[in-house]
Protein backbone atom coordinates (compact mmCIF):
# COMPACT_ATOMS: atom_id res chain seq x y z
CA MET A 1 -8.00 8.15 -5.57
CA LYS A 2 -5.98 11.28 -4.68
CA SER A 3 -3.03 10.35 -6.90
CA GLY A 4 -2.70 13.73 -8.63
CA THR A 5 0.43 15.84 -8.72
CA LYS A 6 0.85 19.56 -8.21
CA PHE A 7 1.80 19.86 -11.89
CA GLY A 8 -1.38 17.99 -12.86
CA ALA A 9 -3.51 20.35 -10.79
CA TYR A 10 -1.93 23.43 -12.41
CA PHE A 11 -2.18 21.85 -15.85
CA ASP A 12 -5.89 21.10 -15.31
CA ALA A 13 -6.57 24.66 -14.13
CA THR A 14 -4.65 26.10 -17.08
CA VAL A 15 -6.52 23.98 -19.64
CA ASP A 16 -9.84 24.98 -18.02
CA PHE A 17 -8.78 28.62 -18.20
CA ILE A 18 -7.79 28.40 -21.88
CA PHE A 19 -11.12 26.80 -22.79
CA ILE A 20 -13.18 29.25 -20.71
CA ILE A 21 -11.36 32.38 -21.88
CA GLY A 22 -11.60 31.12 -25.48
CA MET A 23 -15.35 30.61 -25.25
CA PHE A 24 -15.91 33.98 -23.61
CA ARG A 25 -13.73 35.59 -26.27
CA ILE A 26 -16.13 34.18 -28.86
CA PHE A 27 -19.11 35.47 -26.84
CA VAL A 28 -17.52 38.92 -26.51
CA THR A 29 -16.79 39.01 -30.24
CA ALA A 30 -20.45 38.13 -30.87
CA GLU A 31 -21.34 41.03 -28.51
CA LEU A 32 -23.16 38.78 -26.05
CA TYR A 33 -20.99 39.93 -23.13
CA PRO A 34 -19.02 43.13 -22.47
CA TYR A 35 -15.29 43.05 -23.27
CA TRP A 36 -14.32 43.63 -19.59
CA VAL A 37 -15.54 40.12 -18.68
CA LEU A 38 -12.30 38.76 -20.19
CA PRO A 39 -9.93 40.67 -17.85
CA LEU A 40 -12.21 39.74 -14.93
CA ILE A 41 -11.86 36.03 -15.73
CA LEU A 42 -8.11 36.52 -16.23
CA PHE A 43 -7.91 38.24 -12.82
CA ALA A 44 -9.65 35.30 -11.14
CA PHE A 45 -7.27 32.83 -12.80
CA VAL A 46 -4.15 34.81 -11.85
CA GLN A 47 -5.47 35.19 -8.29
CA PHE A 48 -5.96 31.43 -8.10
CA MET A 49 -2.48 30.67 -9.45
CA ILE A 50 -0.78 33.12 -7.06
CA THR A 51 -2.63 31.99 -3.94
CA SER A 52 -2.19 28.33 -4.87
CA SER A 53 1.57 28.73 -5.17
CA LEU A 54 2.02 30.12 -1.65
CA LYS A 55 3.64 27.90 0.98
CA LYS A 56 0.34 27.73 2.83
CA GLU A 57 -2.49 27.55 0.33
CA ILE A 58 -5.33 29.98 0.85
CA TYR A 59 -8.66 28.24 1.16
CA ASP A 60 -11.44 29.83 -0.85
CA PRO A 61 -14.81 28.12 -0.52
CA ILE A 62 -16.33 30.35 -3.20
CA GLY A 63 -13.47 30.13 -5.69
CA LYS A 64 -13.73 26.38 -5.50
CA TYR A 65 -16.94 26.63 -7.53
CA TYR A 66 -15.87 29.53 -9.78
CA GLY A 67 -14.91 27.26 -12.68
CA SER A 68 -18.24 25.46 -12.42
CA LEU A 69 -20.04 28.81 -12.63
CA LEU A 70 -18.12 29.72 -15.77
CA TYR A 71 -18.73 26.32 -17.38
CA GLY A 72 -22.42 26.70 -16.50
CA ALA A 73 -22.46 30.19 -18.01
CA ILE A 74 -20.97 28.81 -21.23
CA GLY A 75 -23.57 26.05 -21.41
CA LEU A 76 -26.46 28.39 -20.67
CA THR A 77 -25.20 30.93 -23.21
CA LEU A 78 -25.15 28.22 -25.88
CA LEU A 79 -28.65 27.03 -24.96
CA PHE A 80 -30.51 30.31 -24.41
CA SER A 81 -30.51 33.80 -25.85
CA GLY A 82 -31.65 37.25 -24.83
CA GLN A 83 -29.94 40.33 -23.44
CA LEU A 84 -31.60 40.04 -20.04
CA PHE A 85 -30.28 36.50 -19.78
CA TYR A 86 -26.73 37.65 -20.68
CA ASP A 87 -26.97 40.49 -18.17
CA VAL A 88 -27.91 38.10 -15.38
CA ILE A 89 -24.91 35.89 -16.21
CA THR A 90 -22.62 38.94 -16.31
CA VAL A 91 -23.84 40.13 -12.90
CA SER A 92 -23.37 36.59 -11.54
CA ILE A 93 -19.79 36.46 -12.80
CA VAL A 94 -18.98 39.87 -11.29
CA THR A 95 -20.61 38.98 -7.96
CA VAL A 96 -18.90 35.61 -7.59
CA THR A 97 -15.53 37.07 -8.65
CA ALA A 98 -15.81 39.80 -6.02
CA ALA A 99 -16.96 37.32 -3.35
CA SER A 100 -14.09 34.97 -4.17
CA PHE A 101 -11.55 37.80 -3.97
CA CYS A 102 -12.96 38.97 -0.63
CA SER A 103 -12.97 35.41 0.68
CA ARG A 104 -9.31 34.92 -0.21
CA LEU A 105 -8.37 38.27 1.33
CA ALA A 106 -10.24 37.50 4.53
CA TYR A 107 -8.60 34.09 4.86
CA PHE A 108 -5.17 35.57 4.11
CA PHE A 109 -5.48 38.34 6.72
CA ARG A 110 -7.04 36.04 9.30
CA SER A 111 -4.17 33.56 8.97
CA ARG A 112 -1.56 36.37 9.09
CA THR A 113 -3.17 37.77 12.24
CA ARG A 114 -3.16 34.30 13.80
CA ILE A 115 0.56 33.92 13.00
CA TYR A 116 1.33 37.38 14.44
CA HIS A 117 -0.57 36.68 17.67
CA THR A 118 1.09 33.27 18.04
CA SER A 119 4.58 34.73 17.62
CA PHE A 120 3.74 37.65 19.95
CA ASN A 121 2.53 35.26 22.66
CA PHE A 122 5.62 33.09 22.24
CA LYS A 123 7.85 36.16 22.57
CA GLN A 124 6.08 37.20 25.79
CA GLU A 125 6.38 33.71 27.23
CA THR A 126 10.12 33.49 26.52
CA GLU A 127 10.77 36.96 27.94
CA GLY A 128 8.94 36.04 31.16
CA MET A 129 11.25 33.11 31.86
């Protein structure tokens, strides 16, 4: 339908974040996950909000599924127990967070390089005339 607004998209992401951070806060309090998972999730959310507010949005194919990973981690944590299981989820969160950050950085620098080369070529063409 594609009838959403920019406000609606930010509102949806913020509500998702509040729910996810709340659930992981409960899990951290219950000592299922280490406390540093919370700042990691916060970092991913802030990174998303900053890169989404730029004039040219930064495409992140990995970050697109980050929320799904966290919702899946919540569901699996509620269904299963065991420290090995929690460790695997923690490693997954760290890995996907790092991959998403690297993906956004790579896209950002690639697009900046493309802009620089385009303006450099334009400058050369106008000086040659």
